[in-house]
Amino acid sequence: MVETYQAKYVSLHVRVSNVAARHLYETTLGFKTEKPEAKYYADGEDALCMRLDFDHIRKQIDADEEEEERERAAEAQTNGSKSNGGEHLDEGEAVGEVGRDPEAGKKKVLPVGRSKDESK
């Protein structure tokens, strides 16, 4: 959600009586209780409004992206210094006749329709 939608946080409501869900959200997933909502549900039960901020996730994503950029720069520098006497490293697949797969152009003949015996 952080990367795709640039979400800052996610929030939810949970019944006060739902101890298992509250434990999951608070203890396992790290949600914080913001405030109680009186008579939130149709049966009159209160709800707890809970929220999980994505600040720490955004910081981790930014740090990972910076690390990947440093690695790409170092790799590009390393690859550039490995070339021998003006020769360049191969950067891709072969093209033209050399790169063409001889099996790619062949077509299979499949029987279509009824056989001769069925048409009688």
PDB file of N, CA and C in Angstrom:
ATOM      1  N   MET A   1       0.807  -1.183   0.000  1.00  0.00           N
ATOM      2  CA  MET A   1       0.000   0.000   0.000  1.00  0.00           C
ATOM      3  C   MET A   1       0.857   1.256   0.000  1.00  0.00           C
ATOM      4  N   VAL A   2       1.977   1.183   0.660  1.00  0.00           N
ATOM      5  CA  VAL A   2       2.852   2.349   0.723  1.00  0.00           C
ATOM      6  C   VAL A   2       3.422   2.658  -0.653  1.00  0.00           C
ATOM      7  N   GLU A   3       3.930   1.633  -1.337  1.00  0.00           N
ATOM      8  CA  GLU A   3       4.539   1.847  -2.636  1.00  0.00           C
ATOM      9  C   GLU A   3       3.505   2.146  -3.713  1.00  0.00           C
ATOM     10  N   THR A   4       2.420   1.417  -3.727  1.00  0.00           N
ATOM     11  CA  THR A   4       1.430   1.551  -4.785  1.00  0.00           C
ATOM     12  C   THR A   4       0.567   2.796  -4.623  1.00  0.00           C
ATOM     13  N   TYR A   5       0.067   3.031  -3.424  1.00  0.00           N
ATOM     14  CA  TYR A   5      -0.881   4.118  -3.198  1.00  0.00           C
ATOM     15  C   TYR A   5      -0.315   5.276  -2.391  1.00  0.00           C
ATOM     16  N   GLN A   6       0.944   5.214  -2.013  1.00  0.00           N
ATOM     17  CA  GLN A   6       1.585   6.229  -1.175  1.00  0.00           C
ATOM     18  C   GLN A   6       0.781   6.475   0.102  1.00  0.00           C
ATOM     19  N   ALA A   7       0.252   5.390   0.681  1.00  0.00           N
ATOM     20  CA  ALA A   7      -0.550   5.486   1.902  1.00  0.00           C
ATOM     21  C   ALA A   7       0.326   5.904   3.075  1.00  0.00           C
ATOM     22  N   LYS A   8      -0.209   6.741   3.925  1.00  0.00           N
ATOM     23  CA  LYS A   8       0.495   7.202   5.120  1.00  0.00           C
ATOM     24  C   LYS A   8       0.145   6.334   6.331  1.00  0.00           C
ATOM     25  N   TYR A   9      -1.087   5.812   6.339  1.00  0.00           N
ATOM     26  CA  TYR A   9      -1.526   4.961   7.441  1.00  0.00           C
ATOM     27  C   TYR A   9      -2.725   4.139   6.988  1.00  0.00           C
ATOM     28  N   VAL A  10      -3.094   3.156   7.822  1.00  0.00           N
ATOM     29  CA  VAL A  10      -4.313   2.377   7.616  1.00  0.00           C
ATOM     30  C   VAL A  10      -5.047   2.376   8.946  1.00  0.00           C
ATOM     31  N   SER A  11      -6.374   2.466   8.877  1.00  0.00           N
ATOM     32  CA  SER A  11      -7.155   2.464  10.113  1.00  0.00           C
ATOM     33  C   SER A  11      -8.288   1.454  10.007  1.00  0.00           C
ATOM     34  N   LEU A  12      -8.799   1.058  11.168  1.00  0.00           N
ATOM     35  CA  LEU A  12      -9.899   0.096  11.210  1.00  0.00           C
ATOM     36  C   LEU A  12     -10.662   0.268  12.507  1.00  0.00           C
ATOM     37  N   HIS A  13     -11.845  -0.327  12.549  1.00  0.00           N
ATOM     38  CA  HIS A  13     -12.652  -0.381  13.767  1.00  0.00           C
ATOM     39  C   HIS A  13     -12.796  -1.838  14.158  1.00  0.00           C
ATOM     40  N   VAL A  14     -12.748  -2.087  15.440  1.00  0.00           N
ATOM     41  CA  VAL A  14     -12.908  -3.439  15.964  1.00  0.00           C
ATOM     42  C   VAL A  14     -13.822  -3.374  17.187  1.00  0.00           C
ATOM     43  N   ARG A  15     -14.654  -4.394  17.340  1.00  0.00           N
ATOM     44  CA  ARG A  15     -15.541  -4.443  18.503  1.00  0.00           C
ATOM     45  C   ARG A  15     -14.714  -4.519  19.794  1.00  0.00           C
ATOM     46  N   VAL A  16     -15.186  -3.823  20.814  1.00  0.00           N
ATOM     47  CA  VAL A  16     -14.514  -3.838  22.110  1.00  0.00           C
ATOM     48  C   VAL A  16     -14.473  -5.258  22.664  1.00  0.00           C
ATOM     49  N   SER A  17     -15.522  -6.032  22.397  1.00  0.00           N
ATOM     50  CA  SER A  17     -15.607  -7.390  22.933  1.00  0.00           C
ATOM     51  C   SER A  17     -14.760  -8.401  22.172  1.00  0.00           C
ATOM     52  N   ASN A  18     -14.233  -8.049  21.022  1.00  0.00           N
ATOM     53  CA  ASN A  18     -13.467  -8.997  20.203  1.00  0.00           C
ATOM     54  C   ASN A  18     -12.000  -8.999  20.651  1.00  0.00           C
ATOM     55  N   VAL A  19     -11.746  -9.706  21.722  1.00  0.00           N
ATOM     56  CA  VAL A  19     -10.422  -9.725  22.353  1.00  0.00           C
ATOM     57  C   VAL A  19      -9.370 -10.331  21.420  1.00  0.00           C
ATOM     58  N   ALA A  20      -9.729 -11.388  20.705  1.00  0.00           N
ATOM     59  CA  ALA A  20      -8.757 -12.036  19.812  1.00  0.00           C
ATOM     60  C   ALA A  20      -8.313 -11.088  18.699  1.00  0.00           C
ATOM     61  N   ALA A  21      -9.248 -10.383  18.097  1.00  0.00           N
ATOM     62  CA  ALA A  21      -8.899  -9.440  17.029  1.00  0.00           C
ATOM     63  C   ALA A  21      -8.072  -8.285  17.578  1.00  0.00           C
ATOM     64  N   ARG A  22      -8.459  -7.786  18.753  1.00  0.00           N
ATOM     65  CA  ARG A  22      -7.693  -6.688  19.359  1.00  0.00           C
ATOM     66  C   ARG A  22      -6.259  -7.122  19.636  1.00  0.00           C
ATOM     67  N   HIS A  23      -6.085  -8.342  20.123  1.00  0.00           N
ATOM     68  CA  HIS A  23      -4.740  -8.858  20.386  1.00  0.00           C
ATOM     69  C   HIS A  23      -3.940  -8.943  19.082  1.00  0.00           C
ATOM     70  N   LEU A  24      -4.559  -9.457  18.035  1.00  0.00           N
ATOM     71  CA  LEU A  24      -3.892  -9.564  16.733  1.00  0.00           C
ATOM     72  C   LEU A  24      -3.445  -8.195  16.240  1.00  0.00           C
ATOM     73  N   TYR A  25      -4.361  -7.245  16.237  1.00  0.00           N
ATOM     74  CA  TYR A  25      -4.050  -5.916  15.711  1.00  0.00           C
ATOM     75  C   TYR A  25      -3.011  -5.190  16.554  1.00  0.00           C
ATOM     76  N   GLU A  26      -3.163  -5.232  17.874  1.00  0.00           N
ATOM     77  CA  GLU A  26      -2.260  -4.483  18.750  1.00  0.00           C
ATOM     78  C   GLU A  26      -0.902  -5.159  18.908  1.00  0.00           C
ATOM     79  N   THR A  27      -0.914  -6.411  19.283  1.00  0.00           N
ATOM     80  CA  THR A  27       0.323  -7.100  19.630  1.00  0.00           C
ATOM     81  C   THR A  27       1.086  -7.587  18.405  1.00  0.00           C
ATOM     82  N   THR A  28       0.391  -8.250  17.500  1.00  0.00           N
ATOM     83  CA  THR A  28       1.070  -8.859  16.359  1.00  0.00           C
ATOM     84  C   THR A  28       1.359  -7.855  15.248  1.00  0.00           C
ATOM     85  N   LEU A  29       0.362  -7.054  14.896  1.00  0.00           N
ATOM     86  CA  LEU A  29       0.490  -6.167  13.737  1.00  0.00           C
ATOM     87  C   LEU A  29       0.921  -4.747  14.089  1.00  0.00           C
ATOM     88  N   GLY A  30       0.859  -4.375  15.346  1.00  0.00           N
ATOM     89  CA  GLY A  30       1.382  -3.078  15.776  1.00  0.00           C
ATOM     90  C   GLY A  30       0.422  -1.913  15.668  1.00  0.00           C
ATOM     91  N   PHE A  31      -0.882  -2.150  15.572  1.00  0.00           N
ATOM     92  CA  PHE A  31      -1.853  -1.059  15.544  1.00  0.00           C
ATOM     93  C   PHE A  31      -1.910  -0.381  16.909  1.00  0.00           C
ATOM     94  N   LYS A  32      -2.206   0.910  16.904  1.00  0.00           N
ATOM     95  CA  LYS A  32      -2.386   1.689  18.135  1.00  0.00           C
ATOM     96  C   LYS A  32      -3.856   2.081  18.232  1.00  0.00           C
ATOM     97  N   THR A  33      -4.410   2.012  19.447  1.00  0.00           N
ATOM     98  CA  THR A  33      -5.797   2.415  19.677  1.00  0.00           C
ATOM     99  C   THR A  33      -5.853   3.932  19.729  1.00  0.00           C
ATOM    100  N   GLU A  34      -6.690   4.516  18.859  1.00  0.00           N
ATOM    101  CA  GLU A  34      -6.834   5.972  18.831  1.00  0.00           C
ATOM    102  C   GLU A  34      -7.903   6.447  19.793  1.00  0.00           C
ATOM    103  N   LYS A  35      -9.130   5.899  19.642  1.00  0.00           N
ATOM    104  CA  LYS A  35     -10.231   6.348  20.495  1.00  0.00           C
ATOM    105  C   LYS A  35     -11.367   5.342  20.436  1.00  0.00           C
ATOM    106  N   PRO A  36     -12.195   5.317  21.459  1.00  0.00           N
ATOM    107  CA  PRO A  36     -13.401   4.473  21.407  1.00  0.00           C
ATOM    108  C   PRO A  36     -14.519   5.207  20.671  1.00  0.00           C
ATOM    109  N   GLU A  37     -15.331   4.475  19.950  1.00  0.00           N
ATOM    110  CA  GLU A  37     -16.483   5.029  19.247  1.00  0.00           C
ATOM    111  C   GLU A  37     -17.730   4.451  19.909  1.00  0.00           C
ATOM    112  N   ALA A  38     -18.489   5.269  20.596  1.00  0.00           N
ATOM    113  CA  ALA A  38     -19.669   4.804  21.329  1.00  0.00           C
ATOM    114  C   ALA A  38     -20.765   4.365  20.365  1.00  0.00           C
ATOM    115  N   LYS A  39     -21.367   3.228  20.664  1.00  0.00           N
ATOM    116  CA  LYS A  39     -22.504   2.679  19.906  1.00  0.00           C
ATOM    117  C   LYS A  39     -22.237   2.667  18.393  1.00  0.00           C
ATOM    118  N   TYR A  40     -21.061   2.218  18.008  1.00  0.00           N
ATOM    119  CA  TYR A  40     -20.648   2.206  16.594  1.00  0.00           C
ATOM    120  C   TYR A  40     -21.430   1.167  15.791  1.00  0.00           C
ATOM    121  N   TYR A  41     -21.679   0.015  16.395  1.00  0.00           N
ATOM    122  CA  TYR A  41     -22.347  -1.077  15.684  1.00  0.00           C
ATOM    123  C   TYR A  41     -23.859  -1.008  15.870  1.00  0.00           C
ATOM    124  N   ALA A  42     -24.601  -1.641  14.960  1.00  0.00           N
ATOM    125  CA  ALA A  42     -26.069  -1.606  14.968  1.00  0.00           C
ATOM    126  C   ALA A  42     -26.646  -2.167  16.259  1.00  0.00           C
ATOM    127  N   ASP A  43     -25.962  -3.109  16.872  1.00  0.00           N
ATOM    128  CA  ASP A  43     -26.468  -3.697  18.122  1.00  0.00           C
ATOM    129  C   ASP A  43     -26.119  -2.836  19.343  1.00  0.00           C
ATOM    130  N   GLY A  44     -25.492  -1.692  19.113  1.00  0.00           N
ATOM    131  CA  GLY A  44     -25.183  -0.762  20.196  1.00  0.00           C
ATOM    132  C   GLY A  44     -23.827  -0.955  20.839  1.00  0.00           C
ATOM    133  N   GLU A  45     -23.064  -1.925  20.372  1.00  0.00           N
ATOM    134  CA  GLU A  45     -21.743  -2.163  20.963  1.00  0.00           C
ATOM    135  C   GLU A  45     -20.755  -1.077  20.529  1.00  0.00           C
ATOM    136  N   ASP A  46     -19.840  -0.766  21.433  1.00  0.00           N
ATOM    137  CA  ASP A  46     -18.797   0.215  21.137  1.00  0.00           C
ATOM    138  C   ASP A  46     -17.717  -0.407  20.263  1.00  0.00           C
ATOM    139  N   ALA A  47     -16.983   0.456  19.569  1.00  0.00           N
ATOM    140  CA  ALA A  47     -15.859   0.015  18.742  1.00  0.00           C
ATOM    141  C   ALA A  47     -14.620   0.793  19.141  1.00  0.00           C
ATOM    142  N   LEU A  48     -13.479   0.212  18.859  1.00  0.00           N
ATOM    143  CA  LEU A  48     -12.211   0.910  19.038  1.00  0.00           C
ATOM    144  C   LEU A  48     -11.681   1.276  17.660  1.00  0.00           C
ATOM    145  N   CYS A  49     -11.321   2.521  17.497  1.00  0.00           N
ATOM    146  CA  CYS A  49     -10.707   2.976  16.254  1.00  0.00           C
ATOM    147  C   CYS A  49      -9.202   2.744  16.402  1.00  0.00           C
ATOM    148  N   MET A  50      -8.633   1.987  15.472  1.00  0.00           N
ATOM    149  CA  MET A  50      -7.209   1.637  15.545  1.00  0.00           C
ATOM    150  C   MET A  50      -6.505   2.132  14.290  1.00  0.00           C
ATOM    151  N   ARG A  51      -5.217   2.402  14.430  1.00  0.00           N
ATOM    152  CA  ARG A  51      -4.451   2.975  13.327  1.00  0.00           C
ATOM    153  C   ARG A  51      -3.037   2.407  13.315  1.00  0.00           C
ATOM    154  N   LEU A  52      -2.525   2.185  12.098  1.00  0.00           N
ATOM    155  CA  LEU A  52      -1.142   1.749  11.915  1.00  0.00           C
ATOM    156  C   LEU A  52      -0.476   2.730  10.962  1.00  0.00           C
ATOM    157  N   ASP A  53       0.518   3.458  11.467  1.00  0.00           N
ATOM    158  CA  ASP A  53       1.251   4.421  10.641  1.00  0.00           C
ATOM    159  C   ASP A  53       2.314   3.709   9.824  1.00  0.00           C
ATOM    160  N   PHE A  54       2.519   4.182   8.599  1.00  0.00           N
ATOM    161  CA  PHE A  54       3.484   3.576   7.686  1.00  0.00           C
ATOM    162  C   PHE A  54       4.795   4.353   7.597  1.00  0.00           C
ATOM    163  N   ASP A  55       5.056   5.269   8.516  1.00  0.00           N
ATOM    164  CA  ASP A  55       6.277   6.075   8.468  1.00  0.00           C
ATOM    165  C   ASP A  55       7.532   5.220   8.440  1.00  0.00           C
ATOM    166  N   HIS A  56       7.590   4.222   9.322  1.00  0.00           N
ATOM    167  CA  HIS A  56       8.789   3.372   9.394  1.00  0.00           C
ATOM    168  C   HIS A  56       8.944   2.536   8.122  1.00  0.00           C
ATOM    169  N   ILE A  57       7.834   2.141   7.508  1.00  0.00           N
ATOM    170  CA  ILE A  57       7.904   1.367   6.265  1.00  0.00           C
ATOM    171  C   ILE A  57       8.404   2.259   5.130  1.00  0.00           C
ATOM    172  N   ARG A  58       7.926   3.495   5.053  1.00  0.00           N
ATOM    173  CA  ARG A  58       8.358   4.441   4.022  1.00  0.00           C
ATOM    174  C   ARG A  58       9.860   4.694   4.148  1.00  0.00           C
ATOM    175  N   LYS A  59      10.347   4.846   5.374  1.00  0.00           N
ATOM    176  CA  LYS A  59      11.785   5.072   5.585  1.00  0.00           C
ATOM    177  C   LYS A  59      12.591   3.864   5.119  1.00  0.00           C
ATOM    178  N   GLN A  60      12.086   2.653   5.402  1.00  0.00           N
ATOM    179  CA  GLN A  60      12.780   1.430   4.988  1.00  0.00           C
ATOM    180  C   GLN A  60      12.808   1.313   3.467  1.00  0.00           C
ATOM    181  N   ILE A  61      11.703   1.631   2.814  1.00  0.00           N
ATOM    182  CA  ILE A  61      11.646   1.576   1.346  1.00  0.00           C
ATOM    183  C   ILE A  61      12.628   2.565   0.742  1.00  0.00           C
ATOM    184  N   ASP A  62      12.661   3.782   1.287  1.00  0.00           N
ATOM    185  CA  ASP A  62      13.601   4.793   0.791  1.00  0.00           C
ATOM    186  C   ASP A  62      15.044   4.340   0.969  1.00  0.00           C
ATOM    187  N   ALA A  63      15.353   3.753   2.115  1.00  0.00           N
ATOM    188  CA  ALA A  63      16.715   3.267   2.372  1.00  0.00           C
ATOM    189  C   ALA A  63      17.078   2.140   1.406  1.00  0.00           C
ATOM    190  N   ASP A  64      16.120   1.227   1.150  1.00  0.00           N
ATOM    191  CA  ASP A  64      16.363   0.124   0.219  1.00  0.00           C
ATOM    192  C   ASP A  64      16.601   0.643  -1.197  1.00  0.00           C
ATOM    193  N   GLU A  65      15.822   1.632  -1.608  1.00  0.00           N
ATOM    194  CA  GLU A  65      15.998   2.201  -2.948  1.00  0.00           C
ATOM    195  C   GLU A  65      17.359   2.873  -3.092  1.00  0.00           C
ATOM    196  N   GLU A  66      17.797   3.592  -2.050  1.00  0.00           N
ATOM    197  CA  GLU A  66      19.114   4.222  -2.082  1.00  0.00           C
ATOM    198  C   GLU A  66      20.221   3.176  -2.166  1.00  0.00           C
ATOM    199  N   GLU A  67      20.079   2.098  -1.421  1.00  0.00           N
ATOM    200  CA  GLU A  67      21.073   1.014  -1.441  1.00  0.00           C
ATOM    201  C   GLU A  67      21.137   0.371  -2.826  1.00  0.00           C
ATOM    202  N   GLU A  68      19.971   0.122  -3.432  1.00  0.00           N
ATOM    203  CA  GLU A  68      19.940  -0.462  -4.779  1.00  0.00           C
ATOM    204  C   GLU A  68      20.603   0.471  -5.791  1.00  0.00           C
ATOM    205  N   GLU A  69      20.388   1.762  -5.658  1.00  0.00           N
ATOM    206  CA  GLU A  69      20.992   2.739  -6.561  1.00  0.00           C
ATOM    207  C   GLU A  69      22.513   2.733  -6.416  1.00  0.00           C
ATOM    208  N   ARG A  70      22.990   2.649  -5.183  1.00  0.00           N
ATOM    209  CA  ARG A  70      24.439   2.581  -4.955  1.00  0.00           C
ATOM    210  C   ARG A  70      25.025   1.307  -5.562  1.00  0.00           C
ATOM    211  N   GLU A  71      24.309   0.187  -5.403  1.00  0.00           N
ATOM    212  CA  GLU A  71      24.785  -1.078  -5.965  1.00  0.00           C
ATOM    213  C   GLU A  71      24.821  -1.024  -7.491  1.00  0.00           C
ATOM    214  N   ARG A  72      23.795  -0.434  -8.109  1.00  0.00           N
ATOM    215  CA  ARG A  72      23.781  -0.309  -9.578  1.00  0.00           C
ATOM    216  C   ARG A  72      24.925   0.571 -10.071  1.00  0.00           C
ATOM    217  N   ALA A  73      25.180   1.658  -9.353  1.00  0.00           N
ATOM    218  CA  ALA A  73      26.266   2.548  -9.740  1.00  0.00           C
ATOM    219  C   ALA A  73      27.610   1.843  -9.614  1.00  0.00           C
ATOM    220  N   ALA A  74      27.788   1.092  -8.527  1.00  0.00           N
ATOM    221  CA  ALA A  74      29.041   0.364  -8.331  1.00  0.00           C
ATOM    222  C   ALA A  74      29.201  -0.718  -9.394  1.00  0.00           C
ATOM    223  N   GLU A  75      28.110  -1.404  -9.743  1.00  0.00           N
ATOM    224  CA  GLU A  75      28.155  -2.449 -10.766  1.00  0.00           C
ATOM    225  C   GLU A  75      28.481  -1.853 -12.138  1.00  0.00           C
ATOM    226  N   ALA A  76      27.873  -0.715 -12.439  1.00  0.00           N
ATOM    227  CA  ALA A  76      28.146  -0.065 -13.721  1.00  0.00           C
ATOM    228  C   ALA A  76      29.611   0.362 -13.811  1.00  0.00           C
ATOM    229  N   GLN A  77      30.132   0.849 -12.705  1.00  0.00           N
ATOM    230  CA  GLN A  77      31.532   1.258 -12.682  1.00  0.00           C
ATOM    231  C   GLN A  77      32.441   0.042 -12.822  1.00  0.00           C
ATOM    232  N   THR A  78      32.105  -1.052 -12.169  1.00  0.00           N
ATOM    233  CA  THR A  78      32.891  -2.282 -12.246  1.00  0.00           C
ATOM    234  C   THR A  78      32.852  -2.854 -13.654  1.00  0.00           C
ATOM    235  N   ASN A  79      31.679  -2.912 -14.267  1.00  0.00           N
ATOM    236  CA  ASN A  79      31.555  -3.437 -15.631  1.00  0.00           C
ATOM    237  C   ASN A  79      32.306  -2.582 -16.636  1.00  0.00           C
ATOM    238  N   GLY A  80      32.314  -1.286 -16.442  1.00  0.00           N
ATOM    239  CA  GLY A  80      33.027  -0.397 -17.348  1.00  0.00           C
ATOM    240  C   GLY A  80      34.530  -0.574 -17.260  1.00  0.00           C
ATOM    241  N   SER A  81      35.060  -0.899 -16.079  1.00  0.00           N
ATOM    242  CA  SER A  81      36.502  -1.054 -15.921  1.00  0.00           C
ATOM    243  C   SER A  81      36.995  -2.421 -16.350  1.00  0.00           C
ATOM    244  N   LYS A  82      36.107  -3.384 -16.617  1.00  0.00           N
ATOM    245  CA  LYS A  82      36.512  -4.723 -17.016  1.00  0.00           C
ATOM    246  C   LYS A  82      36.733  -4.864 -18.512  1.00  0.00           C
ATOM    247  N   SER A  83      36.395  -3.854 -19.292  1.00  0.00           N
ATOM    248  CA  SER A  83      36.553  -3.997 -20.744  1.00  0.00           C
ATOM    249  C   SER A  83      38.026  -4.036 -21.111  1.00  0.00           C
ATOM    250  N   ASN A  84      38.345  -4.858 -22.104  1.00  0.00           N
ATOM    251  CA  ASN A  84      39.734  -5.086 -22.482  1.00  0.00           C
ATOM    252  C   ASN A  84      40.094  -4.268 -23.710  1.00  0.00           C
ATOM    253  N   GLY A  85      41.056  -3.375 -23.583  1.00  0.00           N
ATOM    254  CA  GLY A  85      41.635  -2.668 -24.714  1.00  0.00           C
ATOM    255  C   GLY A  85      40.629  -2.129 -25.718  1.00  0.00           C
ATOM    256  N   GLY A  86      39.607  -1.439 -25.276  1.00  0.00           N
ATOM    257  CA  GLY A  86      38.641  -0.867 -26.196  1.00  0.00           C
ATOM    258  C   GLY A  86      37.506  -1.805 -26.557  1.00  0.00           C
ATOM    259  N   GLU A  87      37.596  -3.077 -26.186  1.00  0.00           N
ATOM    260  CA  GLU A  87      36.494  -4.007 -26.446  1.00  0.00           C
ATOM    261  C   GLU A  87      35.406  -3.778 -25.414  1.00  0.00           C
ATOM    262  N   HIS A  88      34.172  -3.911 -25.851  1.00  0.00           N
ATOM    263  CA  HIS A  88      33.051  -3.702 -24.942  1.00  0.00           C
ATOM    264  C   HIS A  88      32.429  -5.046 -24.575  1.00  0.00           C
ATOM    265  N   LEU A  89      31.850  -5.093 -23.396  1.00  0.00           N
ATOM    266  CA  LEU A  89      31.148  -6.290 -22.964  1.00  0.00           C
ATOM    267  C   LEU A  89      29.872  -6.455 -23.774  1.00  0.00           C
ATOM    268  N   ASP A  90      29.484  -7.692 -23.994  1.00  0.00           N
ATOM    269  CA  ASP A  90      28.243  -7.979 -24.702  1.00  0.00           C
ATOM    270  C   ASP A  90      27.090  -7.503 -23.842  1.00  0.00           C
ATOM    271  N   GLU A  91      26.216  -6.670 -24.396  1.00  0.00           N
ATOM    272  CA  GLU A  91      25.142  -6.086 -23.612  1.00  0.00           C
ATOM    273  C   GLU A  91      23.786  -6.735 -23.847  1.00  0.00           C
ATOM    274  N   GLY A  92      23.687  -7.706 -24.736  1.00  0.00           N
ATOM    275  CA  GLY A  92      22.370  -8.272 -24.979  1.00  0.00           C
ATOM    276  C   GLY A  92      22.443  -9.549 -25.776  1.00  0.00           C
ATOM    277  N   GLU A  93      21.291  -9.958 -26.258  1.00  0.00           N
ATOM    278  CA  GLU A  93      21.200 -11.182 -27.026  1.00  0.00           C
ATOM    279  C   GLU A  93      21.547 -10.911 -28.490  1.00  0.00           C
ATOM    280  N   ALA A  94      21.875 -11.994 -29.196  1.00  0.00           N
ATOM    281  CA  ALA A  94      22.209 -11.876 -30.610  1.00  0.00           C
ATOM    282  C   ALA A  94      20.987 -11.435 -31.404  1.00  0.00           C
ATOM    283  N   VAL A  95      21.231 -10.690 -32.491  1.00  0.00           N
ATOM    284  CA  VAL A  95      20.134 -10.194 -33.322  1.00  0.00           C
ATOM    285  C   VAL A  95      20.296 -10.698 -34.749  1.00  0.00           C
ATOM    286  N   GLY A  96      19.258 -10.512 -35.549  1.00  0.00           N
ATOM    287  CA  GLY A  96      19.307 -10.939 -36.955  1.00  0.00           C
ATOM    288  C   GLY A  96      19.238 -12.446 -37.065  1.00  0.00           C
ATOM    289  N   GLU A  97      19.878 -13.004 -38.100  1.00  0.00           N
ATOM    290  CA  GLU A  97      19.866 -14.448 -38.326  1.00  0.00           C
ATOM    291  C   GLU A  97      20.554 -15.198 -37.187  1.00  0.00           C
ATOM    292  N   VAL A  98      21.566 -14.598 -36.592  1.00  0.00           N
ATOM    293  CA  VAL A  98      22.284 -15.244 -35.499  1.00  0.00           C
ATOM    294  C   VAL A  98      21.365 -15.437 -34.303  1.00  0.00           C
ATOM    295  N   GLY A  99      20.495 -14.457 -34.036  1.00  0.00           N
ATOM    296  CA  GLY A  99      19.632 -14.508 -32.866  1.00  0.00           C
ATOM    297  C   GLY A  99      18.299 -15.179 -33.103  1.00  0.00           C
ATOM    298  N   ARG A 100      18.016 -15.593 -34.343  1.00  0.00           N
ATOM    299  CA  ARG A 100      16.713 -16.181 -34.645  1.00  0.00           C
ATOM    300  C   ARG A 100      16.679 -17.645 -34.246  1.00  0.00           C
ATOM    301  N   ASP A 101      15.590 -18.042 -33.606  1.00  0.00           N
ATOM    302  CA  ASP A 101      15.391 -19.435 -33.217  1.00  0.00           C
ATOM    303  C   ASP A 101      14.826 -20.186 -34.412  1.00  0.00           C
ATOM    304  N   PRO A 102      15.528 -21.213 -34.930  1.00  0.00           N
ATOM    305  CA  PRO A 102      15.043 -21.914 -36.127  1.00  0.00           C
ATOM    306  C   PRO A 102      13.716 -22.628 -35.888  1.00  0.00           C
ATOM    307  N   GLU A 103      13.407 -22.987 -34.651  1.00  0.00           N
ATOM    308  CA  GLU A 103      12.153 -23.674 -34.350  1.00  0.00           C
ATOM    309  C   GLU A 103      10.981 -22.710 -34.223  1.00  0.00           C
ATOM    310  N   ALA A 104      11.252 -21.428 -34.073  1.00  0.00           N
ATOM    311  CA  ALA A 104      10.191 -20.455 -33.814  1.00  0.00           C
ATOM    312  C   ALA A 104       9.268 -20.274 -35.021  1.00  0.00           C
ATOM    313  N   GLY A 105       9.755 -20.411 -36.225  1.00  0.00           N
ATOM    314  CA  GLY A 105       8.952 -20.170 -37.412  1.00  0.00           C
ATOM    315  C   GLY A 105       8.123 -21.357 -37.869  1.00  0.00           C
ATOM    316  N   LYS A 106       8.371 -22.521 -37.322  1.00  0.00           N
ATOM    317  CA  LYS A 106       7.668 -23.724 -37.766  1.00  0.00           C
ATOM    318  C   LYS A 106       6.252 -23.739 -37.202  1.00  0.00           C
ATOM    319  N   LYS A 107       5.300 -24.186 -38.043  1.00  0.00           N
ATOM    320  CA  LYS A 107       3.916 -24.282 -37.624  1.00  0.00           C
ATOM    321  C   LYS A 107       3.507 -25.740 -37.568  1.00  0.00           C
ATOM    322  N   LYS A 108       2.627 -26.051 -36.641  1.00  0.00           N
ATOM    323  CA  LYS A 108       2.119 -27.406 -36.520  1.00  0.00           C
ATOM    324  C   LYS A 108       0.789 -27.490 -37.257  1.00  0.00           C
ATOM    325  N   VAL A 109       0.566 -28.604 -37.941  1.00  0.00           N
ATOM    326  CA  VAL A 109      -0.692 -28.839 -38.631  1.00  0.00           C
ATOM    327  C   VAL A 109      -1.581 -29.653 -37.703  1.00  0.00           C
ATOM    328  N   LEU A 110      -2.743 -29.103 -37.390  1.00  0.00           N
ATOM    329  CA  LEU A 110      -3.683 -29.778 -36.524  1.00  0.00           C
ATOM    330  C   LEU A 110      -4.958 -30.083 -37.303  1.00  0.00           C
ATOM    331  N   PRO A 111      -5.508 -31.278 -37.149  1.00  0.00           N
ATOM    332  CA  PRO A 111      -6.758 -31.600 -37.842  1.00  0.00           C
ATOM    333  C   PRO A 111      -7.910 -30.810 -37.234  1.00  0.00           C
ATOM    334  N   VAL A 112      -8.774 -30.266 -38.097  1.00  0.00           N
ATOM    335  CA  VAL A 112      -9.909 -29.477 -37.650  1.00  0.00           C
ATOM    336  C   VAL A 112     -11.164 -30.032 -38.293  1.00  0.00           C
ATOM    337  N   GLY A 113     -12.239 -30.060 -37.570  1.00  0.00           N
ATOM    338  CA  GLY A 113     -13.508 -30.520 -38.126  1.00  0.00           C
ATOM    339  C   GLY A 113     -13.712 -32.001 -37.906  1.00  0.00           C
ATOM    340  N   ARG A 114     -14.634 -32.571 -38.694  1.00  0.00           N
ATOM    341  CA  ARG A 114     -14.968 -33.988 -38.546  1.00  0.00           C
ATOM    342  C   ARG A 114     -14.049 -34.839 -39.399  1.00  0.00           C
ATOM    343  N   SER A 115     -13.843 -36.036 -38.910  1.00  0.00           N
ATOM    344  CA  SER A 115     -13.054 -36.966 -39.726  1.00  0.00           C
ATOM    345  C   SER A 115     -13.926 -37.474 -40.865  1.00  0.00           C
ATOM    346  N   LYS A 116     -13.338 -38.095 -41.859  1.00  0.00           N
ATOM    347  CA  LYS A 116     -14.078 -38.576 -43.032  1.00  0.00           C
ATOM    348  C   LYS A 116     -15.110 -39.618 -42.652  1.00  0.00           C
ATOM    349  N   ASP A 117     -14.828 -40.424 -41.632  1.00  0.00           N
ATOM    350  CA  ASP A 117     -15.750 -41.482 -41.220  1.00  0.00           C
ATOM    351  C   ASP A 117     -17.011 -40.905 -40.574  1.00  0.00           C
ATOM    352  N   GLU A 118     -16.915 -39.767 -39.886  1.00  0.00           N
ATOM    353  CA  GLU A 118     -18.055 -39.188 -39.183  1.00  0.00           C
ATOM    354  C   GLU A 118     -19.018 -38.483 -40.132  1.00  0.00           C
ATOM    355  N   SER A 119     -18.567 -38.032 -41.281  1.00  0.00           N
ATOM    356  CA  SER A 119     -19.415 -37.254 -42.179  1.00  0.00           C
ATOM    357  C   SER A 119     -20.434 -38.104 -42.911  1.00  0.00           C
ATOM    358  N   LYS A 120     -20.364 -39.411 -42.862  1.00  0.00           N
ATOM    359  CA  LYS A 120     -21.295 -40.300 -43.576  1.00  0.00           C
ATOM    360  C   LYS A 120     -22.526 -40.584 -42.772  1.00  0.00           C
TER     361      LYS A 120
END
